[in-house]
C-alpha atoms as a PDB file:
ATOM      1  CA  UNK A   1      99.402 105.169 211.450  1.00  0.00           C
ATOM      2  CA  UNK A   2     100.807 105.255 214.203  1.00  0.00           C
ATOM      3  CA  UNK A   3     100.349 108.264 217.217  1.00  0.00           C
ATOM      4  CA  UNK A   4     103.567 109.492 217.951  1.00  0.00           C
ATOM      5  CA  UNK A   5     103.792 111.379 221.389  1.00  0.00           C
ATOM      6  CA  UNK A   6     106.052 113.208 223.078  1.00  0.00           C
ATOM      7  CA  UNK A   7     108.870 111.574 224.438  1.00  0.00           C
ATOM      8  CA  UNK A   8     107.590 110.565 228.221  1.00  0.00           C
ATOM      9  CA  UNK A   9     105.678 108.109 226.514  1.00  0.00           C
ATOM     10  CA  UNK A  10     106.789 104.500 226.343  1.00  0.00           C
ATOM     11  CA  UNK A  11     103.895 103.060 224.733  1.00  0.00           C
ATOM     12  CA  UNK A  12     104.136 103.975 221.341  1.00  0.00           C
ATOM     13  CA  UNK A  13     103.882 101.054 218.968  1.00  0.00           C
ATOM     14  CA  UNK A  14     106.455 100.171 216.102  1.00  0.00           C
ATOM     15  CA  UNK A  15     106.770 103.210 213.174  1.00  0.00           C
ATOM     16  CA  UNK A  16     108.358 102.940 210.266  1.00  0.00           C
ATOM     17  CA  UNK A  17     110.129 106.609 209.053  1.00  0.00           C
ATOM     18  CA  UNK A  18     111.353 107.753 205.545  1.00  0.00           C
ATOM     19  CA  UNK A  19     114.361 109.948 206.189  1.00  0.00           C
ATOM     20  CA  UNK A  20     114.067 111.950 203.091  1.00  0.00           C
ATOM     21  CA  UNK A  21     110.011 112.359 203.035  1.00  0.00           C
ATOM     22  CA  UNK A  22     109.985 113.787 207.089  1.00  0.00           C
ATOM     23  CA  UNK A  23     106.233 114.104 208.445  1.00  0.00           C
ATOM     24  CA  UNK A  24     105.408 117.879 208.621  1.00  0.00           C
ATOM     25  CA  UNK A  25     102.846 117.485 211.018  1.00  0.00           C
ATOM     26  CA  UNK A  26     103.414 118.796 214.618  1.00  0.00           C
ATOM     27  CA  UNK A  27     103.115 117.358 217.713  1.00  0.00           C
ATOM     28  CA  UNK A  28     101.211 117.562 220.774  1.00  0.00           C
ATOM     29  CA  UNK A  29     104.394 118.875 222.057  1.00  0.00           C
ATOM     30  CA  UNK A  30     105.115 120.936 219.075  1.00  0.00           C
ATOM     31  CA  UNK A  31     108.016 119.390 217.061  1.00  0.00           C
ATOM     32  CA  UNK A  32     107.554 117.743 214.041  1.00  0.00           C
ATOM     33  CA  UNK A  33     106.635 113.977 214.440  1.00  0.00           C
ATOM     34  CA  UNK A  34     109.781 112.652 212.865  1.00  0.00           C
ATOM     35  CA  UNK A  35     111.872 114.408 214.890  1.00  0.00           C
ATOM     36  CA  UNK A  36     110.361 112.122 217.773  1.00  0.00           C
ATOM     37  CA  UNK A  37     110.686 108.984 216.598  1.00  0.00           C
ATOM     38  CA  UNK A  38     114.194 107.798 217.417  1.00  0.00           C
ATOM     39  CA  UNK A  39     113.310 108.798 221.102  1.00  0.00           C
ATOM     40  CA  UNK A  40     110.919 105.979 221.195  1.00  0.00           C
ATOM     41  CA  UNK A  41     112.689 103.055 221.608  1.00  0.00           C
ATOM     42  CA  UNK A  42     110.549 100.431 219.645  1.00  0.00           C
ATOM     43  CA  UNK A  43     110.239 102.895 216.079  1.00  0.00           C
ATOM     44  CA  UNK A  44     112.864 102.383 213.120  1.00  0.00           C
ATOM     45  CA  UNK A  45     113.760 103.868 210.113  1.00  0.00           C
ATOM     46  CA  UNK A  46     114.007 102.183 206.688  1.00  0.00           C
ATOM     47  CA  UNK A  47     117.402 103.154 204.606  1.00  0.00           C
ATOM     48  CA  UNK A  48     115.227 102.956 201.254  1.00  0.00           C
ATOM     49  CA  UNK A  49     114.589 105.019 198.388  1.00  0.00           C
ATOM     50  CA  UNK A  50     116.739 107.786 199.062  1.00  0.00           C
ATOM     51  CA  UNK A  51     118.445 107.236 195.379  1.00  0.00           C
ATOM     52  CA  UNK A  52     115.256 108.041 193.616  1.00  0.00           C
ATOM     53  CA  UNK A  53     114.812 111.465 196.173  1.00  0.00           C
ATOM     54  CA  UNK A  54     118.449 112.816 194.750  1.00  0.00           C
ATOM     55  CA  UNK A  55     118.821 115.100 191.695  1.00  0.00           C
ATOM     56  CA  UNK A  56     120.650 113.205 188.407  1.00  0.00           C
ATOM     57  CA  UNK A  57     123.975 114.560 189.139  1.00  0.00           C
ATOM     58  CA  UNK A  58     124.187 113.955 192.659  1.00  0.00           C
ATOM     59  CA  UNK A  59     123.501 109.992 192.086  1.00  0.00           C
ATOM     60  CA  UNK A  60     125.323 109.840 188.571  1.00  0.00           C
ATOM     61  CA  UNK A  61     128.206 107.564 190.315  1.00  0.00           C
ATOM     62  CA  UNK A  62     128.074 105.665 193.474  1.00  0.00           C
ATOM     63  CA  UNK A  63     130.459 108.236 194.697  1.00  0.00           C
ATOM     64  CA  UNK A  64     128.402 110.652 194.022  1.00  0.00           C
ATOM     65  CA  UNK A  65     125.470 109.263 195.563  1.00  0.00           C
ATOM     66  CA  UNK A  66     127.329 108.191 198.683  1.00  0.00           C
ATOM     67  CA  UNK A  67     128.845 111.463 199.062  1.00  0.00           C
ATOM     68  CA  UNK A  68     125.269 113.298 199.327  1.00  0.00           C
ATOM     69  CA  UNK A  69     123.676 111.092 201.269  1.00  0.00           C
ATOM     70  CA  UNK A  70     126.355 110.131 203.718  1.00  0.00           C
ATOM     71  CA  UNK A  71     125.227 113.047 206.065  1.00  0.00           C
ATOM     72  CA  UNK A  72     121.526 111.690 206.392  1.00  0.00           C
ATOM     73  CA  UNK A  73     122.804 108.230 206.525  1.00  0.00           C
ATOM     74  CA  UNK A  74     125.286 109.562 209.881  1.00  0.00           C
ATOM     75  CA  UNK A  75     122.484 111.027 211.303  1.00  0.00           C
ATOM     76  CA  UNK A  76     120.024 108.319 211.220  1.00  0.00           C
ATOM     77  CA  UNK A  77     122.993 106.117 213.001  1.00  0.00           C
ATOM     78  CA  UNK A  78     122.833 108.609 215.867  1.00  0.00           C
ATOM     79  CA  UNK A  79     119.119 108.632 215.732  1.00  0.00           C
ATOM     80  CA  UNK A  80     118.151 105.335 215.673  1.00  0.00           C
ATOM     81  CA  UNK A  81     121.803 102.958 215.772  1.00  0.00           C
ATOM     82  CA  UNK A  82     121.858  99.950 213.774  1.00  0.00           C
ATOM     83  CA  UNK A  83     119.542  97.769 215.825  1.00  0.00           C
ATOM     84  CA  UNK A  84     116.961  99.986 214.482  1.00  0.00           C
ATOM     85  CA  UNK A  85     117.782 100.677 210.727  1.00  0.00           C
ATOM     86  CA  UNK A  86     116.290  98.386 208.462  1.00  0.00           C
ATOM     87  CA  UNK A  87     117.606  98.288 204.751  1.00  0.00           C
ATOM     88  CA  UNK A  88     115.382  98.206 201.950  1.00  0.00           C
ATOM     89  CA  UNK A  89     115.692  97.982 198.379  1.00  0.00           C
ATOM     90  CA  UNK A  90     113.659 100.223 197.261  1.00  0.00           C
ATOM     91  CA  UNK A  91     112.590  97.636 193.605  1.00  0.00           C
ATOM     92  CA  UNK A  92     111.162  98.082 191.422  1.00  0.00           C
ATOM     93  CA  UNK A  93     110.273 102.006 192.161  1.00  0.00           C
ATOM     94  CA  UNK A  94     114.532 102.343 192.446  1.00  0.00           C
ATOM     95  CA  UNK A  95     114.933 102.181 188.753  1.00  0.00           C
ATOM     96  CA  UNK A  96     114.319 105.025 187.987  1.00  0.00           C
ATOM     97  CA  UNK A  97     117.316 105.783 189.325  1.00  0.00           C
ATOM     98  CA  UNK A  98     119.824 103.485 189.640  1.00  0.00           C
ATOM     99  CA  UNK A  99     120.386  99.530 189.393  1.00  0.00           C
ATOM    100  CA  UNK A 100     119.684  96.935 192.167  1.00  0.00           C
ATOM    101  CA  UNK A 101     123.812  96.511 192.022  1.00  0.00           C
ATOM    102  CA  UNK A 102     123.918 100.163 191.868  1.00  0.00           C
ATOM    103  CA  UNK A 103     121.900 100.325 195.580  1.00  0.00           C
ATOM    104  CA  UNK A 104     123.898  97.293 197.174  1.00  0.00           C
ATOM    105  CA  UNK A 105     126.911  99.456 195.900  1.00  0.00           C
ATOM    106  CA  UNK A 106     126.324 102.995 197.075  1.00  0.00           C
ATOM    107  CA  UNK A 107     124.915 100.881 200.864  1.00  0.00           C
ATOM    108  CA  UNK A 108     127.964  98.721 201.159  1.00  0.00           C
ATOM    109  CA  UNK A 109     130.438 102.210 201.041  1.00  0.00           C
ATOM    110  CA  UNK A 110     128.404 104.375 202.904  1.00  0.00           C
ATOM    111  CA  UNK A 111     128.391 101.141 206.003  1.00  0.00           C
ATOM    112  CA  UNK A 112     131.944 100.664 204.937  1.00  0.00           C
ATOM    113  CA  UNK A 113     133.222 102.250 208.110  1.00  0.00           C
ATOM    114  CA  UNK A 114     130.726 100.368 210.196  1.00  0.00           C
ATOM    115  CA  UNK A 115     131.869  96.904 212.176  1.00  0.00           C
ATOM    116  CA  UNK A 116     130.340  93.673 210.612  1.00  0.00           C
ATOM    117  CA  UNK A 117     128.010  93.651 213.536  1.00  0.00           C
ATOM    118  CA  UNK A 118     126.367  96.564 212.566  1.00  0.00           C
ATOM    119  CA  UNK A 119     126.636  96.040 209.039  1.00  0.00           C
ATOM    120  CA  UNK A 120     124.112  92.679 209.691  1.00  0.00           C
ATOM    121  CA  UNK A 121     121.651  94.398 211.864  1.00  0.00           C
ATOM    122  CA  UNK A 122     121.077  97.043 209.343  1.00  0.00           C
ATOM    123  CA  UNK A 123     120.951  94.435 206.665  1.00  0.00           C
ATOM    124  CA  UNK A 124     119.317  91.518 208.059  1.00  0.00           C
ATOM    125  CA  UNK A 125     118.854  91.665 212.105  1.00  0.00           C
ATOM    126  CA  UNK A 126     116.486  94.950 212.481  1.00  0.00           C
ATOM    127  CA  UNK A 127     114.148  93.415 209.544  1.00  0.00           C
ATOM    128  CA  UNK A 128     114.380  89.758 211.602  1.00  0.00           C
ATOM    129  CA  UNK A 129     112.794  91.614 214.629  1.00  0.00           C
ATOM    130  CA  UNK A 130     110.709  93.949 213.323  1.00  0.00           C
ATOM    131  CA  UNK A 131     108.740  91.578 211.054  1.00  0.00           C
ATOM    132  CA  UNK A 132     109.188  88.745 213.646  1.00  0.00           C
ATOM    133  CA  UNK A 133     111.689  86.828 211.321  1.00  0.00           C
ATOM    134  CA  UNK A 134     113.823  85.716 214.457  1.00  0.00           C
ATOM    135  CA  UNK A 135     115.386  82.322 214.087  1.00  0.00           C
ATOM    136  CA  UNK A 136     114.277  81.751 210.817  1.00  0.00           C
ATOM    137  CA  UNK A 137     110.576  81.164 211.818  1.00  0.00           C
ATOM    138  CA  UNK A 138     107.571  83.495 210.006  1.00  0.00           C
END
């Protein structure tokens, strides 16, 4: 697990964060670790696992899920930006809450206000950089 330090450090290794399951441990500066992640330029956030965290009534339709998730996604976009958000399917756990197609529809609606370039960053570009797959190389 990466070690998070207060914002003055720039040597923190890349880290992953689940927006609805933030770490509750305090850091040396007394802030929860998840609050420090956006500060570190090498950290990313995976946009995944959100539907399984919503109560059934808040995910009964794609539109309801979007209404419930939009505030979280807007915060993530403000904190990390599209270049540091990686979309994930959360399959097969996703199937406890929705179909793969349902999550794709929710994602499309959540990202609808972004430019094509920003959507591409979230759906492919950030993951390609993080996993070293840029240019089609593994």
